[in-house]
Amino acid sequence: MTVRVKRTFEFDAPGERVWEFIADPAKRAGAISVVDRFDVADDGRHATWYLELPIPLVRSTVTVETEDIEVDEPTHVKFVGKSRVMRVTGEHTIEERDGGSRLVNEFTVDGRLPGVEAFFERNLDRELDNLEAALRREFEATA
């Protein structure tokens, strides 16, 4: 089973400000609650996420190697993350609109162990809420 979620956020902030956040692998990883810690490579396109998943068959930290595979500055970034328990694809597209911007987010999670997809099916919407909240905090802090 594959879990897919698509959510759109509307912001009063211009697209360039959304891009500054969403193109940064550290900011994206930092917004996800199950990412315990992360490392970003010097190239800015690769990152390693260390996940703590509350799944019975997963008793250790899951390492997910991520790579930005499409970067069309300043409107689109797509990344793929691979690990022994799952593959995740995330895509973020910024659209300008009057007085602000829209961010379209699409995520796909393919689990490789029982329970992974069920976990993300229950929690992926909440993780996107976390991403939206992190973006809004960023805009308030730099306003």
C-alpha atoms as a PDB file:
ATOM      1  CA  MET A   1       0.000   0.000   0.000  1.00  0.00           C
ATOM      2  CA  THR A   2       1.197   3.490  -0.828  1.00  0.00           C
ATOM      3  CA  VAL A   3       0.157   6.599   1.089  1.00  0.00           C
ATOM      4  CA  ARG A   4      -0.363   9.799  -0.912  1.00  0.00           C
ATOM      5  CA  VAL A   5      -1.262  13.203   0.438  1.00  0.00           C
ATOM      6  CA  LYS A   6      -1.680  16.527  -1.352  1.00  0.00           C
ATOM      7  CA  ARG A   7      -2.212  19.742   0.582  1.00  0.00           C
ATOM      8  CA  THR A   8      -2.169  23.394  -0.399  1.00  0.00           C
ATOM      9  CA  PHE A   9      -1.254  26.307   1.877  1.00  0.00           C
ATOM     10  CA  GLU A  10      -2.053  29.950   1.218  1.00  0.00           C
ATOM     11  CA  PHE A  11       0.314  32.671   2.478  1.00  0.00           C
ATOM     12  CA  ASP A  12       0.313  36.448   2.459  1.00  0.00           C
ATOM     13  CA  ALA A  13       4.082  36.213   2.022  1.00  0.00           C
ATOM     14  CA  PRO A  14       5.621  36.489  -1.447  1.00  0.00           C
ATOM     15  CA  GLY A  15       6.830  33.357  -3.183  1.00  0.00           C
ATOM     16  CA  GLU A  16      10.508  34.257  -2.625  1.00  0.00           C
ATOM     17  CA  ARG A  17      10.025  33.987   1.148  1.00  0.00           C
ATOM     18  CA  VAL A  18       8.302  30.618   0.801  1.00  0.00           C
ATOM     19  CA  TRP A  19      11.157  29.470  -1.433  1.00  0.00           C
ATOM     20  CA  GLU A  20      13.792  30.456   1.160  1.00  0.00           C
ATOM     21  CA  PHE A  21      12.187  28.014   3.571  1.00  0.00           C
ATOM     22  CA  ILE A  22      11.023  25.168   1.354  1.00  0.00           C
ATOM     23  CA  ALA A  23      14.259  24.912  -0.670  1.00  0.00           C
ATOM     24  CA  ASP A  24      16.275  24.424   2.537  1.00  0.00           C
ATOM     25  CA  PRO A  25      16.564  20.697   3.407  1.00  0.00           C
ATOM     26  CA  ALA A  26      17.291  21.545   7.062  1.00  0.00           C
ATOM     27  CA  LYS A  27      14.126  23.608   7.443  1.00  0.00           C
ATOM     28  CA  ARG A  28      12.009  20.934   5.768  1.00  0.00           C
ATOM     29  CA  ALA A  29      13.443  18.189   7.993  1.00  0.00           C
ATOM     30  CA  GLY A  30      13.173  20.309  11.130  1.00  0.00           C
ATOM     31  CA  ALA A  31       9.412  20.688  10.645  1.00  0.00           C
ATOM     32  CA  ILE A  32       8.734  16.930  10.733  1.00  0.00           C
ATOM     33  CA  SER A  33       8.069  15.592  14.235  1.00  0.00           C
ATOM     34  CA  VAL A  34       9.474  12.081  13.686  1.00  0.00           C
ATOM     35  CA  VAL A  35      12.809  13.491  12.451  1.00  0.00           C
ATOM     36  CA  ASP A  36      14.899  13.248  15.607  1.00  0.00           C
ATOM     37  CA  ARG A  37      17.938  14.872  14.008  1.00  0.00           C
ATOM     38  CA  PHE A  38      19.380  15.442  10.537  1.00  0.00           C
ATOM     39  CA  ASP A  39      22.593  16.233   8.696  1.00  0.00           C
ATOM     40  CA  VAL A  40      22.753  18.302   5.519  1.00  0.00           C
ATOM     41  CA  ALA A  41      25.607  17.727   3.079  1.00  0.00           C
ATOM     42  CA  ASP A  42      27.761  20.631   1.930  1.00  0.00           C
ATOM     43  CA  ASP A  43      26.161  20.459  -1.516  1.00  0.00           C
ATOM     44  CA  GLY A  44      22.792  21.481  -0.019  1.00  0.00           C
ATOM     45  CA  ARG A  45      20.965  18.815  -2.043  1.00  0.00           C
ATOM     46  CA  HIS A  46      21.562  15.769   0.154  1.00  0.00           C
ATOM     47  CA  ALA A  47      20.479  15.257   3.739  1.00  0.00           C
ATOM     48  CA  THR A  48      20.259  12.370   6.160  1.00  0.00           C
ATOM     49  CA  TRP A  49      17.211  12.185   8.393  1.00  0.00           C
ATOM     50  CA  TYR A  50      17.242  10.094  11.569  1.00  0.00           C
ATOM     51  CA  LEU A  51      13.645   9.054  12.261  1.00  0.00           C
ATOM     52  CA  GLU A  52      12.130   7.776  15.482  1.00  0.00           C
ATOM     53  CA  LEU A  53       9.027   5.894  14.336  1.00  0.00           C
ATOM     54  CA  PRO A  54       6.642   4.525  16.992  1.00  0.00           C
ATOM     55  CA  ILE A  55       6.134   1.235  15.153  1.00  0.00           C
ATOM     56  CA  PRO A  56       6.546  -2.140  16.908  1.00  0.00           C
ATOM     57  CA  LEU A  57       8.783  -3.681  14.222  1.00  0.00           C
ATOM     58  CA  VAL A  58      11.044  -0.620  14.145  1.00  0.00           C
ATOM     59  CA  ARG A  59      13.034  -0.571  17.376  1.00  0.00           C
ATOM     60  CA  SER A  60      15.943   1.553  16.238  1.00  0.00           C
ATOM     61  CA  THR A  61      16.499   4.885  14.572  1.00  0.00           C
ATOM     62  CA  VAL A  62      15.683   4.787  10.865  1.00  0.00           C
ATOM     63  CA  THR A  63      18.197   6.514   8.615  1.00  0.00           C
ATOM     64  CA  VAL A  64      16.686   8.081   5.500  1.00  0.00           C
ATOM     65  CA  GLU A  65      19.031   9.358   2.805  1.00  0.00           C
ATOM     66  CA  THR A  66      17.356  12.227   0.969  1.00  0.00           C
ATOM     67  CA  GLU A  67      18.258  14.002  -2.227  1.00  0.00           C
ATOM     68  CA  ASP A  68      16.713  16.990  -3.973  1.00  0.00           C
ATOM     69  CA  ILE A  69      16.243  15.529  -7.456  1.00  0.00           C
ATOM     70  CA  GLU A  70      14.495  18.507  -9.086  1.00  0.00           C
ATOM     71  CA  VAL A  71      15.181  22.118  -8.189  1.00  0.00           C
ATOM     72  CA  ASP A  72      13.591  24.806 -10.340  1.00  0.00           C
ATOM     73  CA  GLU A  73      14.376  27.951  -8.400  1.00  0.00           C
ATOM     74  CA  PRO A  74      12.285  29.740  -7.183  1.00  0.00           C
ATOM     75  CA  THR A  75       9.136  27.684  -7.691  1.00  0.00           C
ATOM     76  CA  HIS A  76       9.681  23.938  -7.387  1.00  0.00           C
ATOM     77  CA  VAL A  77      11.644  21.368  -5.412  1.00  0.00           C
ATOM     78  CA  LYS A  78      11.226  17.616  -5.376  1.00  0.00           C
ATOM     79  CA  PHE A  79      13.098  15.246  -3.109  1.00  0.00           C
ATOM     80  CA  VAL A  80      13.352  11.499  -2.644  1.00  0.00           C
ATOM     81  CA  GLY A  81      14.271   9.764   0.594  1.00  0.00           C
ATOM     82  CA  LYS A  82      15.287   6.116   0.798  1.00  0.00           C
ATOM     83  CA  SER A  83      15.757   3.791   3.742  1.00  0.00           C
ATOM     84  CA  ARG A  84      15.410   0.146   4.676  1.00  0.00           C
ATOM     85  CA  VAL A  85      11.822   0.729   5.873  1.00  0.00           C
ATOM     86  CA  MET A  86      10.412   3.164   3.320  1.00  0.00           C
ATOM     87  CA  ARG A  87      10.770   5.411   0.328  1.00  0.00           C
ATOM     88  CA  VAL A  88       9.353   8.925   0.532  1.00  0.00           C
ATOM     89  CA  THR A  89       8.879  11.449  -2.247  1.00  0.00           C
ATOM     90  CA  GLY A  90       8.033  15.050  -1.493  1.00  0.00           C
ATOM     91  CA  GLU A  91       7.226  17.757  -3.972  1.00  0.00           C
ATOM     92  CA  HIS A  92       6.677  21.457  -3.269  1.00  0.00           C
ATOM     93  CA  THR A  93       5.450  23.914  -5.884  1.00  0.00           C
ATOM     94  CA  ILE A  94       5.073  27.643  -5.257  1.00  0.00           C
ATOM     95  CA  GLU A  95       2.481  29.643  -7.189  1.00  0.00           C
ATOM     96  CA  GLU A  96       2.263  33.409  -7.040  1.00  0.00           C
ATOM     97  CA  ARG A  97      -1.145  34.887  -6.326  1.00  0.00           C
ATOM     98  CA  ASP A  98      -2.396  38.417  -5.674  1.00  0.00           C
ATOM     99  CA  GLY A  99      -0.685  39.707  -2.560  1.00  0.00           C
ATOM    100  CA  GLY A 100       0.897  36.398  -1.643  1.00  0.00           C
ATOM    101  CA  SER A 101       1.587  32.856  -2.677  1.00  0.00           C
ATOM    102  CA  ARG A 102       0.287  29.317  -2.642  1.00  0.00           C
ATOM    103  CA  LEU A 103       2.376  26.269  -1.749  1.00  0.00           C
ATOM    104  CA  VAL A 104       1.258  22.926  -3.187  1.00  0.00           C
ATOM    105  CA  ASN A 105       2.701  19.946  -1.273  1.00  0.00           C
ATOM    106  CA  GLU A 106       2.562  16.350  -2.469  1.00  0.00           C
ATOM    107  CA  PHE A 107       3.953  13.408  -0.511  1.00  0.00           C
ATOM    108  CA  THR A 108       4.105   9.717  -1.283  1.00  0.00           C
ATOM    109  CA  VAL A 109       5.297   7.106   1.224  1.00  0.00           C
ATOM    110  CA  ASP A 110       5.962   3.501   0.208  1.00  0.00           C
ATOM    111  CA  GLY A 111       6.565   1.353   3.266  1.00  0.00           C
ATOM    112  CA  ARG A 112       8.809  -1.675   3.184  1.00  0.00           C
ATOM    113  CA  LEU A 113       7.886  -2.993   6.641  1.00  0.00           C
ATOM    114  CA  PRO A 114       4.445  -3.685   8.139  1.00  0.00           C
ATOM    115  CA  GLY A 115       3.119  -0.685   9.991  1.00  0.00           C
ATOM    116  CA  VAL A 116       5.086   2.014   8.175  1.00  0.00           C
ATOM    117  CA  GLU A 117       2.337   2.943   5.724  1.00  0.00           C
ATOM    118  CA  ALA A 118      -0.343   2.708   8.418  1.00  0.00           C
ATOM    119  CA  PHE A 119       1.666   5.092  10.586  1.00  0.00           C
ATOM    120  CA  PHE A 120       2.006   7.621   7.783  1.00  0.00           C
ATOM    121  CA  GLU A 121      -1.603   7.167   6.698  1.00  0.00           C
ATOM    122  CA  ARG A 122      -2.618   8.239  10.228  1.00  0.00           C
ATOM    123  CA  ASN A 123       0.006  10.958  10.650  1.00  0.00           C
ATOM    124  CA  LEU A 124       0.974  12.495   7.310  1.00  0.00           C
ATOM    125  CA  ASP A 125      -1.720  15.189   7.521  1.00  0.00           C
ATOM    126  CA  ARG A 126      -0.424  16.161  10.976  1.00  0.00           C
ATOM    127  CA  GLU A 127       3.130  16.344   9.638  1.00  0.00           C
ATOM    128  CA  LEU A 128       1.945  18.696   6.897  1.00  0.00           C
ATOM    129  CA  ASP A 129       0.257  20.788   9.596  1.00  0.00           C
ATOM    130  CA  ASN A 130       3.680  20.941  11.274  1.00  0.00           C
ATOM    131  CA  LEU A 131       5.267  22.093   8.004  1.00  0.00           C
ATOM    132  CA  GLU A 132       2.677  24.827   7.563  1.00  0.00           C
ATOM    133  CA  ALA A 133       3.116  25.979  11.180  1.00  0.00           C
ATOM    134  CA  ALA A 134       6.898  26.123  10.756  1.00  0.00           C
ATOM    135  CA  LEU A 135       6.516  28.254   7.629  1.00  0.00           C
ATOM    136  CA  ARG A 136       4.139  30.636   9.400  1.00  0.00           C
ATOM    137  CA  ARG A 137       6.526  30.947  12.393  1.00  0.00           C
ATOM    138  CA  GLU A 138       9.357  31.716   9.980  1.00  0.00           C
ATOM    139  CA  PHE A 139       7.343  34.501   8.352  1.00  0.00           C
ATOM    140  CA  GLU A 140       6.375  35.988  11.720  1.00  0.00           C
ATOM    141  CA  ALA A 141       9.969  35.879  12.972  1.00  0.00           C
ATOM    142  CA  THR A 142      11.321  37.675   9.906  1.00  0.00           C
ATOM    143  CA  ALA A 143       8.440  40.128   9.441  1.00  0.00           C
END
